[in-house]
Amino acid sequence: MDNYTQSDIDLMMSHINSTAREILNFATPYNMATIYLGMDALNKLKFNKIQPDHIILKPYLINNKK
């Protein structure tokens, strides 16, 4: 993890948490967090919603920036 900046990790988490999950009835963890935690918490955590057609769950999300 030493090779990644906090910005890289924030970006990865935004992509991961914007992915719909069957266990959440095809909602995203991001959407559930907005309900339970509110937008203020998500803004402080620097999580952003990624549109479904822009989600990247591959290493090149971060590695192509280096």
PDB file of N, CA and C in Angstrom:
ATOM      1  N   MET A   1       0.814  -1.198   0.000  1.00  0.00           N
ATOM      2  CA  MET A   1       0.000   0.000   0.000  1.00  0.00           C
ATOM      3  C   MET A   1       0.859   1.264   0.000  1.00  0.00           C
ATOM      4  N   ASP A   2       2.153   1.118   0.238  1.00  0.00           N
ATOM      5  CA  ASP A   2       3.032   2.284   0.272  1.00  0.00           C
ATOM      6  C   ASP A   2       3.111   3.002  -1.067  1.00  0.00           C
ATOM      7  N   ASN A   3       2.806   2.295  -2.148  1.00  0.00           N
ATOM      8  CA  ASN A   3       2.893   2.890  -3.477  1.00  0.00           C
ATOM      9  C   ASN A   3       1.689   3.764  -3.825  1.00  0.00           C
ATOM     10  N   TYR A   4       0.672   3.755  -2.980  1.00  0.00           N
ATOM     11  CA  TYR A   4      -0.559   4.469  -3.284  1.00  0.00           C
ATOM     12  C   TYR A   4      -0.719   5.701  -2.400  1.00  0.00           C
ATOM     13  N   THR A   5      -1.227   6.756  -2.994  1.00  0.00           N
ATOM     14  CA  THR A   5      -1.520   7.965  -2.234  1.00  0.00           C
ATOM     15  C   THR A   5      -2.925   7.841  -1.637  1.00  0.00           C
ATOM     16  N   GLN A   6      -3.244   8.733  -0.730  1.00  0.00           N
ATOM     17  CA  GLN A   6      -4.597   8.754  -0.169  1.00  0.00           C
ATOM     18  C   GLN A   6      -5.615   9.026  -1.267  1.00  0.00           C
ATOM     19  N   SER A   7      -5.254   9.843  -2.230  1.00  0.00           N
ATOM     20  CA  SER A   7      -6.135  10.136  -3.362  1.00  0.00           C
ATOM     21  C   SER A   7      -6.415   8.874  -4.188  1.00  0.00           C
ATOM     22  N   ASP A   8      -5.376   8.045  -4.385  1.00  0.00           N
ATOM     23  CA  ASP A   8      -5.549   6.773  -5.097  1.00  0.00           C
ATOM     24  C   ASP A   8      -6.535   5.870  -4.352  1.00  0.00           C
ATOM     25  N   ILE A   9      -6.378   5.784  -3.052  1.00  0.00           N
ATOM     26  CA  ILE A   9      -7.242   4.932  -2.238  1.00  0.00           C
ATOM     27  C   ILE A   9      -8.671   5.463  -2.234  1.00  0.00           C
ATOM     28  N   ASP A  10      -8.831   6.779  -2.137  1.00  0.00           N
ATOM     29  CA  ASP A  10     -10.168   7.375  -2.201  1.00  0.00           C
ATOM     30  C   ASP A  10     -10.841   7.041  -3.528  1.00  0.00           C
ATOM     31  N   LEU A  11     -10.089   7.120  -4.618  1.00  0.00           N
ATOM     32  CA  LEU A  11     -10.629   6.808  -5.937  1.00  0.00           C
ATOM     33  C   LEU A  11     -11.030   5.335  -6.030  1.00  0.00           C
ATOM     34  N   MET A  12     -10.158   4.448  -5.553  1.00  0.00           N
ATOM     35  CA  MET A  12     -10.481   3.013  -5.566  1.00  0.00           C
ATOM     36  C   MET A  12     -11.751   2.734  -4.765  1.00  0.00           C
ATOM     37  N   MET A  13     -11.847   3.318  -3.580  1.00  0.00           N
ATOM     38  CA  MET A  13     -13.004   3.074  -2.728  1.00  0.00           C
ATOM     39  C   MET A  13     -14.287   3.626  -3.352  1.00  0.00           C
ATOM     40  N   SER A  14     -14.192   4.738  -4.036  1.00  0.00           N
ATOM     41  CA  SER A  14     -15.364   5.287  -4.712  1.00  0.00           C
ATOM     42  C   SER A  14     -15.862   4.342  -5.799  1.00  0.00           C
ATOM     43  N   HIS A  15     -14.940   3.760  -6.549  1.00  0.00           N
ATOM     44  CA  HIS A  15     -15.329   2.813  -7.601  1.00  0.00           C
ATOM     45  C   HIS A  15     -15.912   1.540  -6.987  1.00  0.00           C
ATOM     46  N   ILE A  16     -15.275   1.020  -5.965  1.00  0.00           N
ATOM     47  CA  ILE A  16     -15.763  -0.204  -5.319  1.00  0.00           C
ATOM     48  C   ILE A  16     -17.139   0.026  -4.704  1.00  0.00           C
ATOM     49  N   ASN A  17     -17.315   1.140  -4.010  1.00  0.00           N
ATOM     50  CA  ASN A  17     -18.572   1.402  -3.322  1.00  0.00           C
ATOM     51  C   ASN A  17     -19.685   1.912  -4.230  1.00  0.00           C
ATOM     52  N   SER A  18     -19.378   2.138  -5.501  1.00  0.00           N
ATOM     53  CA  SER A  18     -20.398   2.527  -6.481  1.00  0.00           C
ATOM     54  C   SER A  18     -20.879   1.341  -7.298  1.00  0.00           C
ATOM     55  N   THR A  19     -20.391   0.153  -6.963  1.00  0.00           N
ATOM     56  CA  THR A  19     -20.776  -1.069  -7.669  1.00  0.00           C
ATOM     57  C   THR A  19     -21.996  -1.688  -6.988  1.00  0.00           C
ATOM     58  N   ALA A  20     -23.042  -1.914  -7.779  1.00  0.00           N
ATOM     59  CA  ALA A  20     -24.277  -2.502  -7.240  1.00  0.00           C
ATOM     60  C   ALA A  20     -24.005  -3.906  -6.710  1.00  0.00           C
ATOM     61  N   ARG A  21     -24.688  -4.259  -5.632  1.00  0.00           N
ATOM     62  CA  ARG A  21     -24.523  -5.565  -4.990  1.00  0.00           C
ATOM     63  C   ARG A  21     -25.859  -6.276  -4.890  1.00  0.00           C
ATOM     64  N   GLU A  22     -25.868  -7.521  -5.274  1.00  0.00           N
ATOM     65  CA  GLU A  22     -27.089  -8.320  -5.183  1.00  0.00           C
ATOM     66  C   GLU A  22     -27.585  -8.380  -3.741  1.00  0.00           C
ATOM     67  N   ILE A  23     -26.670  -8.528  -2.791  1.00  0.00           N
ATOM     68  CA  ILE A  23     -27.046  -8.640  -1.389  1.00  0.00           C
ATOM     69  C   ILE A  23     -27.738  -7.372  -0.879  1.00  0.00           C
ATOM     70  N   LEU A  24     -27.526  -6.258  -1.560  1.00  0.00           N
ATOM     71  CA  LEU A  24     -28.182  -4.999  -1.202  1.00  0.00           C
ATOM     72  C   LEU A  24     -29.373  -4.726  -2.123  1.00  0.00           C
ATOM     73  N   ASN A  25     -29.909  -5.793  -2.696  1.00  0.00           N
ATOM     74  CA  ASN A  25     -31.036  -5.675  -3.627  1.00  0.00           C
ATOM     75  C   ASN A  25     -30.657  -4.779  -4.810  1.00  0.00           C
ATOM     76  N   PHE A  26     -29.427  -4.946  -5.260  1.00  0.00           N
ATOM     77  CA  PHE A  26     -28.840  -4.243  -6.396  1.00  0.00           C
ATOM     78  C   PHE A  26     -28.680  -2.737  -6.176  1.00  0.00           C
ATOM     79  N   ALA A  27     -28.674  -2.326  -4.920  1.00  0.00           N
ATOM     80  CA  ALA A  27     -28.277  -0.959  -4.577  1.00  0.00           C
ATOM     81  C   ALA A  27     -26.757  -0.956  -4.442  1.00  0.00           C
ATOM     82  N   THR A  28     -26.181   0.209  -4.305  1.00  0.00           N
ATOM     83  CA  THR A  28     -24.736   0.301  -4.108  1.00  0.00           C
ATOM     84  C   THR A  28     -24.436   0.619  -2.647  1.00  0.00           C
ATOM     85  N   PRO A  29     -23.273   0.224  -2.170  1.00  0.00           N
ATOM     86  CA  PRO A  29     -22.881   0.629  -0.819  1.00  0.00           C
ATOM     87  C   PRO A  29     -22.874   2.157  -0.667  1.00  0.00           C
ATOM     88  N   TYR A  30     -22.503   2.856  -1.727  1.00  0.00           N
ATOM     89  CA  TYR A  30     -22.519   4.315  -1.685  1.00  0.00           C
ATOM     90  C   TYR A  30     -23.934   4.829  -1.401  1.00  0.00           C
ATOM     91  N   ASN A  31     -24.918   4.309  -2.132  1.00  0.00           N
ATOM     92  CA  ASN A  31     -26.306   4.755  -1.925  1.00  0.00           C
ATOM     93  C   ASN A  31     -26.794   4.414  -0.525  1.00  0.00           C
ATOM     94  N   MET A  32     -26.451   3.235  -0.036  1.00  0.00           N
ATOM     95  CA  MET A  32     -26.859   2.853   1.314  1.00  0.00           C
ATOM     96  C   MET A  32     -26.197   3.765   2.350  1.00  0.00           C
ATOM     97  N   ALA A  33     -24.945   4.113   2.112  1.00  0.00           N
ATOM     98  CA  ALA A  33     -24.237   5.000   3.044  1.00  0.00           C
ATOM     99  C   ALA A  33     -24.868   6.385   3.071  1.00  0.00           C
ATOM    100  N   THR A  34     -25.368   6.856   1.931  1.00  0.00           N
ATOM    101  CA  THR A  34     -26.026   8.168   1.938  1.00  0.00           C
ATOM    102  C   THR A  34     -27.276   8.133   2.801  1.00  0.00           C
ATOM    103  N   ILE A  35     -27.958   6.999   2.800  1.00  0.00           N
ATOM    104  CA  ILE A  35     -29.173   6.862   3.612  1.00  0.00           C
ATOM    105  C   ILE A  35     -28.824   6.806   5.101  1.00  0.00           C
ATOM    106  N   TYR A  36     -27.840   5.960   5.445  1.00  0.00           N
ATOM    107  CA  TYR A  36     -27.542   5.715   6.854  1.00  0.00           C
ATOM    108  C   TYR A  36     -26.560   6.707   7.471  1.00  0.00           C
ATOM    109  N   LEU A  37     -25.656   7.245   6.669  1.00  0.00           N
ATOM    110  CA  LEU A  37     -24.640   8.143   7.208  1.00  0.00           C
ATOM    111  C   LEU A  37     -24.851   9.603   6.812  1.00  0.00           C
ATOM    112  N   GLY A  38     -25.446   9.813   5.651  1.00  0.00           N
ATOM    113  CA  GLY A  38     -25.658  11.165   5.141  1.00  0.00           C
ATOM    114  C   GLY A  38     -24.500  11.634   4.287  1.00  0.00           C
ATOM    115  N   MET A  39     -24.782  12.636   3.493  1.00  0.00           N
ATOM    116  CA  MET A  39     -23.787  13.157   2.559  1.00  0.00           C
ATOM    117  C   MET A  39     -22.602  13.821   3.260  1.00  0.00           C
ATOM    118  N   ASP A  40     -22.825  14.421   4.413  1.00  0.00           N
ATOM    119  CA  ASP A  40     -21.709  15.051   5.123  1.00  0.00           C
ATOM    120  C   ASP A  40     -20.610  14.040   5.436  1.00  0.00           C
ATOM    121  N   ALA A  41     -21.005  12.867   5.896  1.00  0.00           N
ATOM    122  CA  ALA A  41     -20.022  11.825   6.213  1.00  0.00           C
ATOM    123  C   ALA A  41     -19.288  11.373   4.958  1.00  0.00           C
ATOM    124  N   LEU A  42     -20.022  11.170   3.874  1.00  0.00           N
ATOM    125  CA  LEU A  42     -19.374  10.731   2.635  1.00  0.00           C
ATOM    126  C   LEU A  42     -18.437  11.792   2.087  1.00  0.00           C
ATOM    127  N   ASN A  43     -18.812  13.040   2.219  1.00  0.00           N
ATOM    128  CA  ASN A  43     -17.924  14.116   1.773  1.00  0.00           C
ATOM    129  C   ASN A  43     -16.648  14.158   2.609  1.00  0.00           C
ATOM    130  N   LYS A  44     -16.783  13.952   3.912  1.00  0.00           N
ATOM    131  CA  LYS A  44     -15.598  13.929   4.774  1.00  0.00           C
ATOM    132  C   LYS A  44     -14.691  12.747   4.457  1.00  0.00           C
ATOM    133  N   LEU A  45     -15.300  11.620   4.061  1.00  0.00           N
ATOM    134  CA  LEU A  45     -14.530  10.446   3.670  1.00  0.00           C
ATOM    135  C   LEU A  45     -13.987  10.546   2.251  1.00  0.00           C
ATOM    136  N   LYS A  46     -14.400  11.594   1.527  1.00  0.00           N
ATOM    137  CA  LYS A  46     -13.985  11.842   0.143  1.00  0.00           C
ATOM    138  C   LYS A  46     -14.428  10.727  -0.804  1.00  0.00           C
ATOM    139  N   PHE A  47     -15.602  10.156  -0.522  1.00  0.00           N
ATOM    140  CA  PHE A  47     -16.169   9.154  -1.420  1.00  0.00           C
ATOM    141  C   PHE A  47     -17.085   9.865  -2.404  1.00  0.00           C
ATOM    142  N   ASN A  48     -16.978   9.495  -3.633  1.00  0.00           N
ATOM    143  CA  ASN A  48     -17.794  10.064  -4.695  1.00  0.00           C
ATOM    144  C   ASN A  48     -18.546   8.953  -5.400  1.00  0.00           C
ATOM    145  N   LYS A  49     -19.720   9.277  -5.915  1.00  0.00           N
ATOM    146  CA  LYS A  49     -20.483   8.305  -6.677  1.00  0.00           C
ATOM    147  C   LYS A  49     -19.924   8.257  -8.097  1.00  0.00           C
ATOM    148  N   ILE A  50     -19.641   7.064  -8.558  1.00  0.00           N
ATOM    149  CA  ILE A  50     -19.164   6.841  -9.911  1.00  0.00           C
ATOM    150  C   ILE A  50     -20.331   6.270 -10.707  1.00  0.00           C
ATOM    151  N   GLN A  51     -20.606   6.846 -11.843  1.00  0.00           N
ATOM    152  CA  GLN A  51     -21.691   6.350 -12.682  1.00  0.00           C
ATOM    153  C   GLN A  51     -21.377   4.922 -13.148  1.00  0.00           C
ATOM    154  N   PRO A  52     -22.396   4.068 -13.243  1.00  0.00           N
ATOM    155  CA  PRO A  52     -22.167   2.647 -13.564  1.00  0.00           C
ATOM    156  C   PRO A  52     -21.310   2.401 -14.800  1.00  0.00           C
ATOM    157  N   ASP A  53     -21.476   3.197 -15.833  1.00  0.00           N
ATOM    158  CA  ASP A  53     -20.700   2.972 -17.054  1.00  0.00           C
ATOM    159  C   ASP A  53     -19.274   3.525 -16.972  1.00  0.00           C
ATOM    160  N   HIS A  54     -18.912   4.112 -15.833  1.00  0.00           N
ATOM    161  CA  HIS A  54     -17.557   4.628 -15.630  1.00  0.00           C
ATOM    162  C   HIS A  54     -16.790   3.886 -14.531  1.00  0.00           C
ATOM    163  N   ILE A  55     -17.406   2.877 -13.947  1.00  0.00           N
ATOM    164  CA  ILE A  55     -16.745   2.120 -12.877  1.00  0.00           C
ATOM    165  C   ILE A  55     -15.632   1.262 -13.470  1.00  0.00           C
ATOM    166  N   ILE A  56     -14.485   1.332 -12.844  1.00  0.00           N
ATOM    167  CA  ILE A  56     -13.324   0.523 -13.230  1.00  0.00           C
ATOM    168  C   ILE A  56     -12.887  -0.254 -12.004  1.00  0.00           C
ATOM    169  N   LEU A  57     -12.902  -1.574 -12.123  1.00  0.00           N
ATOM    170  CA  LEU A  57     -12.476  -2.439 -11.023  1.00  0.00           C
ATOM    171  C   LEU A  57     -11.239  -3.239 -11.431  1.00  0.00           C
ATOM    172  N   LYS A  58     -10.366  -2.592 -12.125  1.00  0.00           N
ATOM    173  CA  LYS A  58      -9.127  -3.210 -12.610  1.00  0.00           C
ATOM    174  C   LYS A  58      -7.945  -2.379 -12.127  1.00  0.00           C
ATOM    175  N   PRO A  59      -6.767  -2.997 -12.018  1.00  0.00           N
ATOM    176  CA  PRO A  59      -5.591  -2.268 -11.527  1.00  0.00           C
ATOM    177  C   PRO A  59      -5.239  -1.019 -12.324  1.00  0.00           C
ATOM    178  N   TYR A  60      -5.579  -0.986 -13.613  1.00  0.00           N
ATOM    179  CA  TYR A  60      -5.198   0.180 -14.402  1.00  0.00           C
ATOM    180  C   TYR A  60      -5.928   1.456 -13.977  1.00  0.00           C
ATOM    181  N   LEU A  61      -6.941   1.349 -13.124  1.00  0.00           N
ATOM    182  CA  LEU A  61      -7.584   2.551 -12.590  1.00  0.00           C
ATOM    183  C   LEU A  61      -6.535   3.443 -11.936  1.00  0.00           C
ATOM    184  N   ILE A  62      -5.649   2.842 -11.192  1.00  0.00           N
ATOM    185  CA  ILE A  62      -4.610   3.583 -10.479  1.00  0.00           C
ATOM    186  C   ILE A  62      -3.270   3.509 -11.214  1.00  0.00           C
ATOM    187  N   ASN A  63      -2.922   2.350 -11.724  1.00  0.00           N
ATOM    188  CA  ASN A  63      -1.596   2.156 -12.312  1.00  0.00           C
ATOM    189  C   ASN A  63      -1.331   2.987 -13.545  1.00  0.00           C
ATOM    190  N   ASN A  64      -2.369   3.370 -14.291  1.00  0.00           N
ATOM    191  CA  ASN A  64      -2.120   4.171 -15.491  1.00  0.00           C
ATOM    192  C   ASN A  64      -1.771   5.623 -15.166  1.00  0.00           C
ATOM    193  N   LYS A  65      -1.915   6.020 -13.900  1.00  0.00           N
ATOM    194  CA  LYS A  65      -1.571   7.377 -13.484  1.00  0.00           C
ATOM    195  C   LYS A  65      -0.106   7.508 -13.120  1.00  0.00           C
ATOM    196  N   LYS A  66       0.559   6.401 -12.938  1.00  0.00           N
ATOM    197  CA  LYS A  66       1.952   6.426 -12.454  1.00  0.00           C
ATOM    198  C   LYS A  66       2.921   6.505 -13.623  1.00  0.00           C
TER     199      LYS A  66
END
